N, C-alpha and C. Protein backbone atom coordinates (compact mmCIF):
# COMPACT_ATOMS: atom_id res chain seq x y z
N MET A 1 0.85 -1.18 0.00
CA MET A 1 0.00 0.00 0.00
C MET A 1 0.90 1.24 0.00
N ALA A 2 0.54 2.20 -0.81
CA ALA A 2 1.31 3.43 -0.92
C ALA A 2 1.29 4.21 0.40
N ASN A 3 2.39 4.91 0.67
CA ASN A 3 2.49 5.69 1.90
C ASN A 3 1.41 6.77 1.99
N ASP A 4 1.07 7.38 0.85
CA ASP A 4 0.00 8.39 0.85
C ASP A 4 -1.32 7.79 1.33
N VAL A 5 -1.63 6.61 0.82
CA VAL A 5 -2.87 5.94 1.20
C VAL A 5 -2.87 5.62 2.69
N LYS A 6 -1.75 5.13 3.18
CA LYS A 6 -1.64 4.84 4.63
C LYS A 6 -1.85 6.11 5.45
N ALA A 7 -1.26 7.20 5.03
CA ALA A 7 -1.42 8.46 5.76
C ALA A 7 -2.88 8.89 5.78
N TRP A 8 -3.57 8.75 4.66
CA TRP A 8 -4.98 9.14 4.60
C TRP A 8 -5.83 8.20 5.46
N LEU A 9 -5.49 6.91 5.47
CA LEU A 9 -6.21 5.97 6.34
C LEU A 9 -6.02 6.35 7.81
N TYR A 10 -4.80 6.74 8.18
CA TYR A 10 -4.57 7.18 9.56
C TYR A 10 -5.34 8.47 9.86
N ASP A 11 -5.44 9.36 8.88
CA ASP A 11 -6.25 10.57 9.07
C ASP A 11 -7.71 10.20 9.37
N ILE A 12 -8.23 9.23 8.63
CA ILE A 12 -9.61 8.78 8.85
C ILE A 12 -9.74 8.19 10.25
N LEU A 13 -8.82 7.32 10.60
CA LEU A 13 -8.87 6.67 11.91
C LEU A 13 -8.79 7.70 13.04
N ASN A 14 -7.89 8.66 12.91
CA ASN A 14 -7.75 9.70 13.93
C ASN A 14 -9.02 10.54 14.04
N ALA A 15 -9.64 10.85 12.92
CA ALA A 15 -10.88 11.65 12.95
C ALA A 15 -12.01 10.87 13.63
N ILE A 16 -12.10 9.58 13.34
CA ILE A 16 -13.12 8.75 13.99
C ILE A 16 -12.87 8.70 15.49
N GLU A 17 -11.63 8.49 15.89
CA GLU A 17 -11.32 8.42 17.31
C GLU A 17 -11.57 9.76 18.01
N GLU A 18 -11.35 10.85 17.31
CA GLU A 18 -11.65 12.15 17.90
C GLU A 18 -13.15 12.31 18.10
N ILE A 19 -13.94 11.89 17.10
CA ILE A 19 -15.39 11.94 17.26
C ILE A 19 -15.82 11.09 18.46
N GLU A 20 -15.27 9.91 18.57
CA GLU A 20 -15.60 9.04 19.71
C GLU A 20 -15.25 9.70 21.04
N SER A 21 -14.16 10.46 21.06
CA SER A 21 -13.71 11.10 22.31
C SER A 21 -14.70 12.17 22.78
N PHE A 22 -15.47 12.74 21.87
CA PHE A 22 -16.44 13.76 22.25
C PHE A 22 -17.53 13.19 23.15
N PHE A 23 -17.69 11.87 23.12
CA PHE A 23 -18.76 11.22 23.88
C PHE A 23 -18.22 10.38 25.03
N SER A 24 -16.96 10.57 25.38
CA SER A 24 -16.38 9.78 26.46
C SER A 24 -16.91 10.21 27.83
N ASP A 25 -17.26 11.48 27.98
CA ASP A 25 -17.74 11.99 29.27
C ASP A 25 -19.23 12.32 29.28
N THR A 26 -19.87 12.14 28.14
CA THR A 26 -21.30 12.45 28.05
C THR A 26 -22.03 11.27 27.43
N PRO A 27 -23.31 11.17 27.68
CA PRO A 27 -24.07 10.06 27.07
C PRO A 27 -24.06 10.20 25.55
N LYS A 28 -23.94 9.08 24.87
CA LYS A 28 -23.97 9.09 23.40
C LYS A 28 -25.44 9.02 22.97
N GLN A 29 -26.10 10.16 23.14
CA GLN A 29 -27.51 10.26 22.82
C GLN A 29 -27.71 11.43 21.86
N PHE A 30 -28.66 11.25 20.96
CA PHE A 30 -28.93 12.27 19.95
C PHE A 30 -29.27 13.61 20.58
N ILE A 31 -30.11 13.62 21.58
CA ILE A 31 -30.55 14.88 22.20
C ILE A 31 -29.36 15.64 22.80
N THR A 32 -28.42 14.91 23.38
CA THR A 32 -27.22 15.53 23.95
C THR A 32 -26.38 16.15 22.83
N TYR A 33 -26.20 15.39 21.75
CA TYR A 33 -25.47 15.88 20.58
C TYR A 33 -26.14 17.11 20.00
N GLN A 34 -27.44 17.05 19.83
CA GLN A 34 -28.19 18.11 19.16
C GLN A 34 -28.12 19.44 19.92
N LYS A 35 -27.99 19.37 21.23
CA LYS A 35 -27.96 20.59 22.04
C LYS A 35 -26.57 21.20 22.20
N ASP A 36 -25.54 20.51 21.71
CA ASP A 36 -24.16 20.96 21.91
C ASP A 36 -23.56 21.43 20.58
N LEU A 37 -23.64 22.72 20.34
CA LEU A 37 -23.19 23.29 19.07
C LEU A 37 -21.71 23.01 18.80
N ARG A 38 -20.88 23.13 19.82
CA ARG A 38 -19.45 22.88 19.62
C ARG A 38 -19.18 21.44 19.18
N THR A 39 -19.84 20.51 19.82
CA THR A 39 -19.65 19.10 19.43
C THR A 39 -20.17 18.87 18.02
N LYS A 40 -21.31 19.45 17.69
CA LYS A 40 -21.85 19.29 16.34
C LYS A 40 -20.85 19.79 15.30
N ARG A 41 -20.30 20.96 15.53
CA ARG A 41 -19.35 21.52 14.56
C ARG A 41 -18.06 20.69 14.50
N ALA A 42 -17.63 20.19 15.64
CA ALA A 42 -16.41 19.37 15.66
C ALA A 42 -16.64 18.04 14.95
N VAL A 43 -17.80 17.45 15.14
CA VAL A 43 -18.13 16.21 14.43
C VAL A 43 -18.18 16.47 12.93
N GLU A 44 -18.84 17.54 12.54
CA GLU A 44 -18.94 17.88 11.11
C GLU A 44 -17.55 18.09 10.51
N ARG A 45 -16.68 18.77 11.22
CA ARG A 45 -15.32 19.00 10.71
C ARG A 45 -14.59 17.68 10.52
N ASN A 46 -14.72 16.79 11.48
CA ASN A 46 -14.05 15.49 11.35
C ASN A 46 -14.65 14.66 10.22
N LEU A 47 -15.95 14.79 9.98
CA LEU A 47 -16.55 14.11 8.84
C LEU A 47 -16.04 14.68 7.53
N GLU A 48 -15.78 15.98 7.50
CA GLU A 48 -15.16 16.59 6.32
C GLU A 48 -13.79 15.97 6.06
N ILE A 49 -13.00 15.83 7.12
CA ILE A 49 -11.66 15.24 6.99
C ILE A 49 -11.77 13.80 6.50
N ILE A 50 -12.68 13.04 7.08
CA ILE A 50 -12.86 11.64 6.67
C ILE A 50 -13.24 11.57 5.19
N GLY A 51 -14.20 12.39 4.78
CA GLY A 51 -14.64 12.38 3.39
C GLY A 51 -13.55 12.79 2.42
N GLU A 52 -12.78 13.80 2.78
CA GLU A 52 -11.70 14.26 1.91
C GLU A 52 -10.60 13.20 1.81
N ALA A 53 -10.23 12.61 2.93
CA ALA A 53 -9.20 11.57 2.91
C ALA A 53 -9.66 10.37 2.08
N LEU A 54 -10.91 9.99 2.23
CA LEU A 54 -11.43 8.87 1.46
C LEU A 54 -11.49 9.20 -0.02
N SER A 55 -11.85 10.42 -0.36
CA SER A 55 -11.86 10.85 -1.75
C SER A 55 -10.46 10.74 -2.36
N ARG A 56 -9.46 11.16 -1.62
CA ARG A 56 -8.08 11.08 -2.11
C ARG A 56 -7.65 9.63 -2.29
N ILE A 57 -8.04 8.78 -1.34
CA ILE A 57 -7.70 7.35 -1.44
C ILE A 57 -8.31 6.77 -2.71
N LEU A 58 -9.58 7.03 -2.94
CA LEU A 58 -10.26 6.46 -4.10
C LEU A 58 -9.67 6.96 -5.42
N LYS A 59 -9.22 8.21 -5.43
CA LYS A 59 -8.58 8.73 -6.65
C LYS A 59 -7.22 8.08 -6.87
N HIS A 60 -6.55 7.73 -5.79
CA HIS A 60 -5.21 7.14 -5.87
C HIS A 60 -5.28 5.64 -6.16
N ASP A 61 -6.26 4.96 -5.55
CA ASP A 61 -6.34 3.50 -5.68
C ASP A 61 -7.80 3.07 -5.57
N GLU A 62 -8.43 2.87 -6.72
CA GLU A 62 -9.84 2.51 -6.76
C GLU A 62 -10.12 1.10 -6.25
N THR A 63 -9.07 0.30 -6.06
CA THR A 63 -9.28 -1.08 -5.61
C THR A 63 -9.50 -1.19 -4.10
N ILE A 64 -9.25 -0.12 -3.37
CA ILE A 64 -9.45 -0.15 -1.93
C ILE A 64 -10.95 -0.12 -1.66
N ALA A 65 -11.42 -1.18 -1.01
CA ALA A 65 -12.86 -1.34 -0.78
C ALA A 65 -13.23 -0.81 0.60
N VAL A 66 -14.13 0.17 0.61
CA VAL A 66 -14.68 0.73 1.84
C VAL A 66 -16.19 0.81 1.64
N THR A 67 -16.92 0.24 2.58
CA THR A 67 -18.38 0.25 2.51
C THR A 67 -18.89 1.70 2.47
N ASN A 68 -19.80 1.95 1.55
CA ASN A 68 -20.44 3.27 1.42
C ASN A 68 -19.45 4.41 1.17
N SER A 69 -18.35 4.11 0.50
CA SER A 69 -17.33 5.14 0.28
C SER A 69 -17.89 6.35 -0.45
N ARG A 70 -18.70 6.13 -1.46
CA ARG A 70 -19.27 7.24 -2.22
C ARG A 70 -20.19 8.09 -1.35
N LYS A 71 -20.99 7.43 -0.49
CA LYS A 71 -21.89 8.16 0.40
C LYS A 71 -21.10 8.99 1.41
N ILE A 72 -19.99 8.46 1.86
CA ILE A 72 -19.15 9.19 2.82
C ILE A 72 -18.60 10.45 2.17
N VAL A 73 -18.11 10.32 0.96
CA VAL A 73 -17.59 11.48 0.23
C VAL A 73 -18.72 12.47 -0.06
N ASP A 74 -19.89 11.96 -0.43
CA ASP A 74 -21.04 12.82 -0.68
C ASP A 74 -21.46 13.59 0.58
N THR A 75 -21.38 12.92 1.73
CA THR A 75 -21.70 13.59 3.00
C THR A 75 -20.73 14.73 3.25
N ARG A 76 -19.47 14.50 2.99
CA ARG A 76 -18.45 15.55 3.14
C ARG A 76 -18.79 16.74 2.23
N ASN A 77 -19.16 16.44 1.00
CA ASN A 77 -19.50 17.52 0.06
C ASN A 77 -20.72 18.30 0.52
N ARG A 78 -21.69 17.59 1.05
CA ARG A 78 -22.90 18.28 1.52
C ARG A 78 -22.58 19.17 2.71
N ILE A 79 -21.75 18.70 3.63
CA ILE A 79 -21.39 19.51 4.80
C ILE A 79 -20.69 20.79 4.34
N ILE A 80 -19.80 20.66 3.39
CA ILE A 80 -19.03 21.82 2.93
C ILE A 80 -19.85 22.74 2.03
N HIS A 81 -20.51 22.17 1.04
CA HIS A 81 -21.17 23.00 0.03
C HIS A 81 -22.65 23.27 0.31
N GLY A 82 -23.26 22.39 1.08
CA GLY A 82 -24.67 22.57 1.38
C GLY A 82 -24.89 22.69 2.87
N TYR A 83 -23.99 23.45 3.50
CA TYR A 83 -23.99 23.57 4.96
C TYR A 83 -25.35 23.92 5.54
N ASP A 84 -26.15 24.65 4.77
CA ASP A 84 -27.45 25.07 5.28
C ASP A 84 -28.51 23.98 5.17
N SER A 85 -28.15 22.86 4.55
CA SER A 85 -29.11 21.76 4.44
C SER A 85 -28.66 20.51 5.18
N VAL A 86 -27.65 20.66 6.03
CA VAL A 86 -27.16 19.53 6.81
C VAL A 86 -28.08 19.31 8.00
N SER A 87 -28.58 18.10 8.12
CA SER A 87 -29.49 17.82 9.23
C SER A 87 -28.75 17.08 10.34
N ASP A 88 -29.09 17.44 11.56
CA ASP A 88 -28.50 16.76 12.72
C ASP A 88 -28.79 15.27 12.68
N GLU A 89 -29.98 14.90 12.22
CA GLU A 89 -30.35 13.49 12.16
C GLU A 89 -29.45 12.70 11.22
N VAL A 90 -29.14 13.28 10.07
CA VAL A 90 -28.27 12.60 9.11
C VAL A 90 -26.86 12.44 9.69
N ILE A 91 -26.32 13.50 10.25
CA ILE A 91 -24.98 13.43 10.83
C ILE A 91 -24.95 12.41 11.96
N TRP A 92 -25.95 12.43 12.81
CA TRP A 92 -26.01 11.48 13.92
C TRP A 92 -26.09 10.04 13.39
N GLY A 93 -26.86 9.84 12.34
CA GLY A 93 -26.94 8.51 11.74
C GLY A 93 -25.60 8.02 11.24
N VAL A 94 -24.83 8.91 10.65
CA VAL A 94 -23.47 8.56 10.20
C VAL A 94 -22.62 8.16 11.40
N VAL A 95 -22.68 8.95 12.46
CA VAL A 95 -21.87 8.68 13.65
C VAL A 95 -22.22 7.32 14.25
N ILE A 96 -23.49 7.04 14.36
CA ILE A 96 -23.95 5.82 15.04
C ILE A 96 -23.84 4.58 14.15
N ARG A 97 -24.24 4.70 12.90
CA ARG A 97 -24.33 3.51 12.04
C ARG A 97 -23.10 3.28 11.16
N HIS A 98 -22.52 4.33 10.64
CA HIS A 98 -21.48 4.14 9.62
C HIS A 98 -20.05 4.23 10.14
N LEU A 99 -19.81 5.07 11.12
CA LEU A 99 -18.43 5.21 11.61
C LEU A 99 -17.87 3.93 12.24
N PRO A 100 -18.66 3.17 13.00
CA PRO A 100 -18.09 1.92 13.53
C PRO A 100 -17.65 0.95 12.43
N ILE A 101 -18.43 0.86 11.35
CA ILE A 101 -18.06 0.00 10.22
C ILE A 101 -16.81 0.53 9.55
N LEU A 102 -16.78 1.84 9.31
CA LEU A 102 -15.63 2.46 8.66
C LEU A 102 -14.37 2.25 9.51
N LYS A 103 -14.49 2.42 10.81
CA LYS A 103 -13.34 2.24 11.69
C LYS A 103 -12.79 0.82 11.57
N SER A 104 -13.66 -0.17 11.59
CA SER A 104 -13.22 -1.57 11.46
C SER A 104 -12.53 -1.81 10.13
N GLU A 105 -13.09 -1.27 9.06
CA GLU A 105 -12.49 -1.46 7.74
C GLU A 105 -11.14 -0.78 7.62
N VAL A 106 -11.02 0.43 8.16
CA VAL A 106 -9.75 1.16 8.10
C VAL A 106 -8.69 0.42 8.92
N GLU A 107 -9.06 -0.04 10.11
CA GLU A 107 -8.10 -0.80 10.93
C GLU A 107 -7.65 -2.07 10.21
N ALA A 108 -8.58 -2.75 9.56
CA ALA A 108 -8.22 -3.96 8.81
C ALA A 108 -7.26 -3.63 7.66
N LEU A 109 -7.52 -2.54 6.95
CA LEU A 109 -6.63 -2.13 5.86
C LEU A 109 -5.24 -1.79 6.39
N LEU A 110 -5.19 -1.10 7.51
CA LEU A 110 -3.89 -0.72 8.07
C LEU A 110 -3.13 -1.92 8.64
N ASN A 111 -3.86 -2.93 9.06
CA ASN A 111 -3.22 -4.13 9.64
C ASN A 111 -2.96 -5.22 8.61
N ARG A 112 -3.40 -4.98 7.39
CA ARG A 112 -3.21 -5.98 6.32
C ARG A 112 -1.72 -6.10 6.03
N PRO A 113 -1.24 -7.34 5.95
CA PRO A 113 0.19 -7.53 5.64
C PRO A 113 0.53 -6.98 4.25
N GLU A 114 1.69 -6.40 4.17
CA GLU A 114 2.16 -5.87 2.89
C GLU A 114 2.58 -7.03 1.99
N SER A 115 2.21 -6.95 0.72
CA SER A 115 2.67 -7.97 -0.22
C SER A 115 4.04 -7.56 -0.74
N THR A 116 4.89 -8.52 -0.89
CA THR A 116 6.26 -8.23 -1.34
C THR A 116 6.52 -8.76 -2.70
């Protein structure tokens, strides 16, 4: 795997872990998330990073398989370009349903033995 791809995978993993850290001292509940503007903005920023890193990976190596990769990149684009149409429910759904899967896939890719 190319070093650039590894770096982007680590960026994704770090962003996911940062999002997880926002809920280490508070309940991981939608209502708590919805009422905390700083956490909402921080989560959105990390989703932007995840989407951009994944976009770069896919441009560099289309063979890397990540579940819902196109939807993740599309979410990043919506956050950036359609900021006024971003719904808390959609972002929360990504955090709860998609990030755990993405984290597992990224960890598996990073732990995959290098072919020689």
